[in-house]
PDB file of N, CA and C in Angstrom:
ATOM      1  N   MET A   1       0.819  -1.188   0.000  1.00  0.00           N
ATOM      2  CA  MET A   1       0.000   0.000   0.000  1.00  0.00           C
ATOM      3  C   MET A   1       0.869   1.260   0.000  1.00  0.00           C
ATOM      4  N   ILE A   2       1.979   1.210   0.712  1.00  0.00           N
ATOM      5  CA  ILE A   2       2.871   2.366   0.761  1.00  0.00           C
ATOM      6  C   ILE A   2       3.438   2.650  -0.627  1.00  0.00           C
ATOM      7  N   SER A   3       3.726   1.601  -1.382  1.00  0.00           N
ATOM      8  CA  SER A   3       4.282   1.800  -2.720  1.00  0.00           C
ATOM      9  C   SER A   3       3.281   2.491  -3.638  1.00  0.00           C
ATOM     10  N   VAL A   4       2.000   2.185  -3.495  1.00  0.00           N
ATOM     11  CA  VAL A   4       0.976   2.839  -4.313  1.00  0.00           C
ATOM     12  C   VAL A   4       0.878   4.312  -3.942  1.00  0.00           C
ATOM     13  N   ILE A   5       0.930   4.615  -2.657  1.00  0.00           N
ATOM     14  CA  ILE A   5       0.886   6.009  -2.211  1.00  0.00           C
ATOM     15  C   ILE A   5       2.093   6.771  -2.744  1.00  0.00           C
ATOM     16  N   LEU A   6       3.273   6.169  -2.669  1.00  0.00           N
ATOM     17  CA  LEU A   6       4.473   6.820  -3.198  1.00  0.00           C
ATOM     18  C   LEU A   6       4.366   7.049  -4.705  1.00  0.00           C
ATOM     19  N   ALA A   7       3.803   6.088  -5.432  1.00  0.00           N
ATOM     20  CA  ALA A   7       3.654   6.240  -6.878  1.00  0.00           C
ATOM     21  C   ALA A   7       2.688   7.371  -7.213  1.00  0.00           C
ATOM     22  N   VAL A   8       1.589   7.478  -6.478  1.00  0.00           N
ATOM     23  CA  VAL A   8       0.616   8.548  -6.733  1.00  0.00           C
ATOM     24  C   VAL A   8       1.221   9.904  -6.399  1.00  0.00           C
ATOM     25  N   VAL A   9       1.934   9.996  -5.289  1.00  0.00           N
ATOM     26  CA  VAL A   9       2.596  11.255  -4.931  1.00  0.00           C
ATOM     27  C   VAL A   9       3.631  11.618  -5.995  1.00  0.00           C
ATOM     28  N   GLY A  10       4.335  10.625  -6.499  1.00  0.00           N
ATOM     29  CA  GLY A  10       5.305  10.871  -7.564  1.00  0.00           C
ATOM     30  C   GLY A  10       4.646  11.371  -8.831  1.00  0.00           C
ATOM     31  N   LEU A  11       3.488  10.838  -9.137  1.00  0.00           N
ATOM     32  CA  LEU A  11       2.767  11.280 -10.326  1.00  0.00           C
ATOM     33  C   LEU A  11       2.304  12.718 -10.176  1.00  0.00           C
ATOM     34  N   LEU A  12       1.899  13.095  -8.985  1.00  0.00           N
ATOM     35  CA  LEU A  12       1.362  14.431  -8.765  1.00  0.00           C
ATOM     36  C   LEU A  12       2.432  15.505  -8.640  1.00  0.00           C
ATOM     37  N   CYS A  13       3.557  15.186  -7.979  1.00  0.00           N
ATOM     38  CA  CYS A  13       4.495  16.287  -7.759  1.00  0.00           C
ATOM     39  C   CYS A  13       5.970  15.906  -7.699  1.00  0.00           C
ATOM     40  N   CYS A  14       6.319  14.758  -7.209  1.00  0.00           N
ATOM     41  CA  CYS A  14       7.718  14.501  -6.874  1.00  0.00           C
ATOM     42  C   CYS A  14       8.492  13.680  -7.894  1.00  0.00           C
ATOM     43  N   GLY A  15       7.820  13.085  -8.854  1.00  0.00           N
ATOM     44  CA  GLY A  15       8.486  12.329  -9.903  1.00  0.00           C
ATOM     45  C   GLY A  15       9.341  11.191  -9.392  1.00  0.00           C
ATOM     46  N   PRO A  16      10.586  11.129  -9.849  1.00  0.00           N
ATOM     47  CA  PRO A  16      11.448  10.006  -9.487  1.00  0.00           C
ATOM     48  C   PRO A  16      11.862   9.983  -8.013  1.00  0.00           C
ATOM     49  N   PHE A  17      11.680  11.093  -7.303  1.00  0.00           N
ATOM     50  CA  PHE A  17      12.055  11.111  -5.889  1.00  0.00           C
ATOM     51  C   PHE A  17      11.160  10.206  -5.053  1.00  0.00           C
ATOM     52  N   THR A  18       9.945   9.946  -5.519  1.00  0.00           N
ATOM     53  CA  THR A  18       9.086   8.970  -4.851  1.00  0.00           C
ATOM     54  C   THR A  18       8.755   7.796  -5.763  1.00  0.00           C
ATOM     55  N   GLY A  19       8.959   7.937  -7.060  1.00  0.00           N
ATOM     56  CA  GLY A  19       8.688   6.838  -7.987  1.00  0.00           C
ATOM     57  C   GLY A  19       9.660   5.685  -7.816  1.00  0.00           C
ATOM     58  N   ILE A  20      10.928   6.000  -7.666  1.00  0.00           N
ATOM     59  CA  ILE A  20      11.944   4.958  -7.480  1.00  0.00           C
ATOM     60  C   ILE A  20      11.755   4.235  -6.137  1.00  0.00           C
ATOM     61  N   PRO A  21      11.558   4.964  -5.022  1.00  0.00           N
ATOM     62  CA  PRO A  21      11.276   4.241  -3.776  1.00  0.00           C
ATOM     63  C   PRO A  21       9.994   3.406  -3.836  1.00  0.00           C
ATOM     64  N   ALA A  22       8.994   3.862  -4.585  1.00  0.00           N
ATOM     65  CA  ALA A  22       7.764   3.073  -4.737  1.00  0.00           C
ATOM     66  C   ALA A  22       8.072   1.734  -5.388  1.00  0.00           C
ATOM     67  N   ALA A  23       8.878   1.750  -6.429  1.00  0.00           N
ATOM     68  CA  ALA A  23       9.236   0.506  -7.113  1.00  0.00           C
ATOM     69  C   ALA A  23      10.071  -0.397  -6.201  1.00  0.00           C
ATOM     70  N   ILE A  24      10.966   0.189  -5.418  1.00  0.00           N
ATOM     71  CA  ILE A  24      11.812  -0.607  -4.520  1.00  0.00           C
ATOM     72  C   ILE A  24      10.977  -1.253  -3.417  1.00  0.00           C
ATOM     73  N   VAL A  25      10.098  -0.474  -2.789  1.00  0.00           N
ATOM     74  CA  VAL A  25       9.250  -1.011  -1.720  1.00  0.00           C
ATOM     75  C   VAL A  25       8.348  -2.112  -2.263  1.00  0.00           C
ATOM     76  N   ALA A  26       7.786  -1.891  -3.443  1.00  0.00           N
ATOM     77  CA  ALA A  26       6.917  -2.904  -4.047  1.00  0.00           C
ATOM     78  C   ALA A  26       7.709  -4.160  -4.396  1.00  0.00           C
ATOM     79  N   TRP A  27       8.924  -3.995  -4.891  1.00  0.00           N
ATOM     80  CA  TRP A  27       9.772  -5.150  -5.224  1.00  0.00           C
ATOM     81  C   TRP A  27      10.068  -5.971  -3.970  1.00  0.00           C
ATOM     82  N   LEU A  28      10.374  -5.298  -2.877  1.00  0.00           N
ATOM     83  CA  LEU A  28      10.633  -5.998  -1.617  1.00  0.00           C
ATOM     84  C   LEU A  28       9.386  -6.741  -1.137  1.00  0.00           C
ATOM     85  N   GLU A  29       8.225  -6.124  -1.295  1.00  0.00           N
ATOM     86  CA  GLU A  29       6.981  -6.777  -0.886  1.00  0.00           C
ATOM     87  C   GLU A  29       6.676  -7.987  -1.765  1.00  0.00           C
ATOM     88  N   LEU A  30       6.880  -7.862  -3.063  1.00  0.00           N
ATOM     89  CA  LEU A  30       6.661  -9.004  -3.958  1.00  0.00           C
ATOM     90  C   LEU A  30       7.618 -10.146  -3.631  1.00  0.00           C
ATOM     91  N   ASP A  31       8.848  -9.806  -3.275  1.00  0.00           N
ATOM     92  CA  ASP A  31       9.816 -10.833  -2.882  1.00  0.00           C
ATOM     93  C   ASP A  31       9.391 -11.518  -1.581  1.00  0.00           C
ATOM     94  N   ALA A  32       8.870 -10.730  -0.628  1.00  0.00           N
ATOM     95  CA  ALA A  32       8.397 -11.306   0.634  1.00  0.00           C
ATOM     96  C   ALA A  32       7.188 -12.211   0.404  1.00  0.00           C
ATOM     97  N   ILE A  33       6.316 -11.835  -0.521  1.00  0.00           N
ATOM     98  CA  ILE A  33       5.159 -12.676  -0.847  1.00  0.00           C
ATOM     99  C   ILE A  33       5.626 -13.974  -1.487  1.00  0.00           C
ATOM    100  N   LYS A  34       6.605 -13.870  -2.384  1.00  0.00           N
ATOM    101  CA  LYS A  34       7.119 -15.063  -3.064  1.00  0.00           C
ATOM    102  C   LYS A  34       7.782 -16.029  -2.082  1.00  0.00           C
ATOM    103  N   ASN A  35       8.448 -15.496  -1.072  1.00  0.00           N
ATOM    104  CA  ASN A  35       9.133 -16.333  -0.083  1.00  0.00           C
ATOM    105  C   ASN A  35       8.221 -16.788   1.051  1.00  0.00           C
ATOM    106  N   GLY A  36       6.956 -16.369   1.034  1.00  0.00           N
ATOM    107  CA  GLY A  36       6.003 -16.781   2.056  1.00  0.00           C
ATOM    108  C   GLY A  36       6.072 -15.992   3.345  1.00  0.00           C
ATOM    109  N   LYS A  37       6.779 -14.867   3.351  1.00  0.00           N
ATOM    110  CA  LYS A  37       6.910 -14.050   4.555  1.00  0.00           C
ATOM    111  C   LYS A  37       5.783 -13.037   4.698  1.00  0.00           C
ATOM    112  N   SER A  38       5.019 -12.834   3.623  1.00  0.00           N
ATOM    113  CA  SER A  38       3.937 -11.863   3.631  1.00  0.00           C
ATOM    114  C   SER A  38       2.699 -12.487   3.006  1.00  0.00           C
ATOM    115  N   SER A  39       1.559 -11.927   3.331  1.00  0.00           N
ATOM    116  CA  SER A  39       0.290 -12.464   2.834  1.00  0.00           C
ATOM    117  C   SER A  39       0.143 -12.223   1.331  1.00  0.00           C
ATOM    118  N   PRO A  40      -0.314 -13.222   0.594  1.00  0.00           N
ATOM    119  CA  PRO A  40      -0.510 -13.056  -0.850  1.00  0.00           C
ATOM    120  C   PRO A  40      -1.635 -12.090  -1.214  1.00  0.00           C
ATOM    121  N   SER A  41      -2.415 -11.663  -0.236  1.00  0.00           N
ATOM    122  CA  SER A  41      -3.526 -10.756  -0.541  1.00  0.00           C
ATOM    123  C   SER A  41      -3.038  -9.377  -0.985  1.00  0.00           C
ATOM    124  N   GLY A  42      -1.807  -9.010  -0.672  1.00  0.00           N
ATOM    125  CA  GLY A  42      -1.273  -7.710  -1.064  1.00  0.00           C
ATOM    126  C   GLY A  42      -0.508  -7.719  -2.373  1.00  0.00           C
ATOM    127  N   LYS A  43      -0.557  -8.843  -3.088  1.00  0.00           N
ATOM    128  CA  LYS A  43       0.232  -8.960  -4.316  1.00  0.00           C
ATOM    129  C   LYS A  43      -0.215  -7.966  -5.384  1.00  0.00           C
ATOM    130  N   THR A  44      -1.520  -7.793  -5.545  1.00  0.00           N
ATOM    131  CA  THR A  44      -2.025  -6.876  -6.573  1.00  0.00           C
ATOM    132  C   THR A  44      -1.592  -5.443  -6.288  1.00  0.00           C
ATOM    133  N   MET A  45      -1.703  -5.021  -5.034  1.00  0.00           N
ATOM    134  CA  MET A  45      -1.294  -3.658  -4.681  1.00  0.00           C
ATOM    135  C   MET A  45       0.209  -3.471  -4.868  1.00  0.00           C
ATOM    136  N   ALA A  46       0.983  -4.494  -4.555  1.00  0.00           N
ATOM    137  CA  ALA A  46       2.431  -4.405  -4.746  1.00  0.00           C
ATOM    138  C   ALA A  46       2.770  -4.301  -6.227  1.00  0.00           C
ATOM    139  N   GLN A  47       2.065  -5.043  -7.071  1.00  0.00           N
ATOM    140  CA  GLN A  47       2.304  -4.952  -8.514  1.00  0.00           C
ATOM    141  C   GLN A  47       1.914  -3.580  -9.047  1.00  0.00           C
ATOM    142  N   ILE A  48       0.794  -3.046  -8.568  1.00  0.00           N
ATOM    143  CA  ILE A  48       0.382  -1.698  -8.984  1.00  0.00           C
ATOM    144  C   ILE A  48       1.432  -0.673  -8.557  1.00  0.00           C
ATOM    145  N   GLY A  49       1.929  -0.783  -7.332  1.00  0.00           N
ATOM    146  CA  GLY A  49       2.962   0.134  -6.853  1.00  0.00           C
ATOM    147  C   GLY A  49       4.252   0.010  -7.633  1.00  0.00           C
ATOM    148  N   PHE A  50       4.630  -1.224  -7.980  1.00  0.00           N
ATOM    149  CA  PHE A  50       5.863  -1.444  -8.738  1.00  0.00           C
ATOM    150  C   PHE A  50       5.772  -0.813 -10.121  1.00  0.00           C
ATOM    151  N   TRP A  51       4.744  -1.185 -10.866  1.00  0.00           N
ATOM    152  CA  TRP A  51       4.620  -0.653 -12.225  1.00  0.00           C
ATOM    153  C   TRP A  51       4.280   0.829 -12.227  1.00  0.00           C
ATOM    154  N   GLY A  52       3.545   1.281 -11.221  1.00  0.00           N
ATOM    155  CA  GLY A  52       3.264   2.710 -11.107  1.00  0.00           C
ATOM    156  C   GLY A  52       4.524   3.511 -10.845  1.00  0.00           C
ATOM    157  N   GLY A  53       5.380   3.012  -9.967  1.00  0.00           N
ATOM    158  CA  GLY A  53       6.645   3.701  -9.684  1.00  0.00           C
ATOM    159  C   GLY A  53       7.544   3.775 -10.899  1.00  0.00           C
ATOM    160  N   ILE A  54       7.602   2.686 -11.656  1.00  0.00           N
ATOM    161  CA  ILE A  54       8.402   2.687 -12.884  1.00  0.00           C
ATOM    162  C   ILE A  54       7.812   3.654 -13.903  1.00  0.00           C
ATOM    163  N   ALA A  55       6.491   3.623 -14.062  1.00  0.00           N
ATOM    164  CA  ALA A  55       5.833   4.504 -15.035  1.00  0.00           C
ATOM    165  C   ALA A  55       6.039   5.971 -14.680  1.00  0.00           C
ATOM    166  N   VAL A  56       5.903   6.304 -13.405  1.00  0.00           N
ATOM    167  CA  VAL A  56       6.095   7.690 -12.964  1.00  0.00           C
ATOM    168  C   VAL A  56       7.518   8.150 -13.252  1.00  0.00           C
ATOM    169  N   THR A  57       8.486   7.310 -12.976  1.00  0.00           N
ATOM    170  CA  THR A  57       9.885   7.662 -13.213  1.00  0.00           C
ATOM    171  C   THR A  57      10.154   7.869 -14.698  1.00  0.00           C
ATOM    172  N   VAL A  58       9.630   6.990 -15.531  1.00  0.00           N
ATOM    173  CA  VAL A  58       9.833   7.109 -16.981  1.00  0.00           C
ATOM    174  C   VAL A  58       9.135   8.357 -17.520  1.00  0.00           C
ATOM    175  N   ILE A  59       7.900   8.594 -17.091  1.00  0.00           N
ATOM    176  CA  ILE A  59       7.153   9.766 -17.567  1.00  0.00           C
ATOM    177  C   ILE A  59       7.876  11.053 -17.193  1.00  0.00           C
ATOM    178  N   HIS A  60       8.325  11.155 -15.955  1.00  0.00           N
ATOM    179  CA  HIS A  60       9.029  12.374 -15.544  1.00  0.00           C
ATOM    180  C   HIS A  60      10.379  12.510 -16.244  1.00  0.00           C
ATOM    181  N   GLY A  61      11.041  11.397 -16.526  1.00  0.00           N
ATOM    182  CA  GLY A  61      12.287  11.455 -17.295  1.00  0.00           C
ATOM    183  C   GLY A  61      12.054  11.993 -18.698  1.00  0.00           C
ATOM    184  N   ILE A  62      10.999  11.521 -19.347  1.00  0.00           N
ATOM    185  CA  ILE A  62      10.662  12.008 -20.690  1.00  0.00           C
ATOM    186  C   ILE A  62      10.312  13.490 -20.644  1.00  0.00           C
ATOM    187  N   LEU A  63       9.550  13.904 -19.635  1.00  0.00           N
ATOM    188  CA  LEU A  63       9.188  15.318 -19.524  1.00  0.00           C
ATOM    189  C   LEU A  63      10.413  16.203 -19.309  1.00  0.00           C
ATOM    190  N   TRP A  64      11.389  15.733 -18.522  1.00  0.00           N
ATOM    191  CA  TRP A  64      12.604  16.518 -18.318  1.00  0.00           C
ATOM    192  C   TRP A  64      13.424  16.633 -19.603  1.00  0.00           C
ATOM    193  N   VAL A  65      13.486  15.547 -20.370  1.00  0.00           N
ATOM    194  CA  VAL A  65      14.205  15.596 -21.649  1.00  0.00           C
ATOM    195  C   VAL A  65      13.524  16.587 -22.585  1.00  0.00           C
ATOM    196  N   LEU A  66      12.197  16.547 -22.650  1.00  0.00           N
ATOM    197  CA  LEU A  66      11.472  17.502 -23.496  1.00  0.00           C
ATOM    198  C   LEU A  66      11.677  18.935 -23.013  1.00  0.00           C
ATOM    199  N   TYR A  67      11.666  19.134 -21.704  1.00  0.00           N
ATOM    200  CA  TYR A  67      11.893  20.456 -21.131  1.00  0.00           C
ATOM    201  C   TYR A  67      13.261  20.999 -21.544  1.00  0.00           C
ATOM    202  N   LEU A  68      14.288  20.173 -21.429  1.00  0.00           N
ATOM    203  CA  LEU A  68      15.631  20.601 -21.822  1.00  0.00           C
ATOM    204  C   LEU A  68      15.729  20.822 -23.325  1.00  0.00           C
ATOM    205  N   LEU A  69      15.101  19.955 -24.106  1.00  0.00           N
ATOM    206  CA  LEU A  69      15.132  20.087 -25.558  1.00  0.00           C
ATOM    207  C   LEU A  69      14.476  21.384 -26.009  1.00  0.00           C
ATOM    208  N   PHE A  70      13.287  21.665 -25.480  1.00  0.00           N
ATOM    209  CA  PHE A  70      12.605  22.902 -25.865  1.00  0.00           C
ATOM    210  C   PHE A  70      13.345  24.134 -25.357  1.00  0.00           C
ATOM    211  N   GLY A  71      13.996  24.023 -24.212  1.00  0.00           N
ATOM    212  CA  GLY A  71      14.806  25.131 -23.716  1.00  0.00           C
ATOM    213  C   GLY A  71      15.982  25.429 -24.628  1.00  0.00           C
ATOM    214  N   MET A  72      16.636  24.373 -25.127  1.00  0.00           N
ATOM    215  CA  MET A  72      17.751  24.570 -26.060  1.00  0.00           C
ATOM    216  C   MET A  72      17.256  25.128 -27.391  1.00  0.00           C
ATOM    217  N   LEU A  73      16.113  24.648 -27.848  1.00  0.00           N
ATOM    218  CA  LEU A  73      15.572  25.159 -29.111  1.00  0.00           C
ATOM    219  C   LEU A  73      15.170  26.623 -28.992  1.00  0.00           C
ATOM    220  N   ALA A  74      14.621  27.005 -27.851  1.00  0.00           N
ATOM    221  CA  ALA A  74      14.205  28.391 -27.660  1.00  0.00           C
ATOM    222  C   ALA A  74      15.407  29.324 -27.573  1.00  0.00           C
ATOM    223  N   SER A  75      16.491  28.863 -26.986  1.00  0.00           N
ATOM    224  CA  SER A  75      17.662  29.724 -26.844  1.00  0.00           C
ATOM    225  C   SER A  75      18.511  29.757 -28.112  1.00  0.00           C
ATOM    226  N   ALA A  76      18.241  28.874 -29.058  1.00  0.00           N
ATOM    227  CA  ALA A  76      19.031  28.830 -30.287  1.00  0.00           C
ATOM    228  C   ALA A  76      18.445  29.716 -31.377  1.00  0.00           C
ATOM    229  N   GLY A  77      17.460  30.531 -31.038  1.00  0.00           N
ATOM    230  CA  GLY A  77      16.842  31.402 -32.033  1.00  0.00           C
ATOM    231  C   GLY A  77      17.809  32.468 -32.524  1.00  0.00           C
ATOM    232  N   SER A  78      17.592  32.939 -33.741  1.00  0.00           N
ATOM    233  CA  SER A  78      18.471  33.973 -34.305  1.00  0.00           C
ATOM    234  C   SER A  78      18.056  35.347 -33.785  1.00  0.00           C
ATOM    235  N   TYR A  79      19.042  36.214 -33.628  1.00  0.00           N
ATOM    236  CA  TYR A  79      18.792  37.555 -33.114  1.00  0.00           C
ATOM    237  C   TYR A  79      19.031  38.565 -34.179  1.00  0.00           C
TER     238      TYR A  79
END
């Protein structure tokens, strides 16, 4: 559940600063479920948190690349 919250917060404002921890926490939870240390009932939420954290990180990475690209294009105008 914590990984899903981190992924949503990352989507709204923090990007990879909470997206990467969301994926890590979810990965640890999925590993605990696989080893029988945690209840299998949380598997779906852990998968949502894992893929959500990865998606948030990738989306924010693409947005930063576009931001830098458009900034370079805007500053390369002729005077």
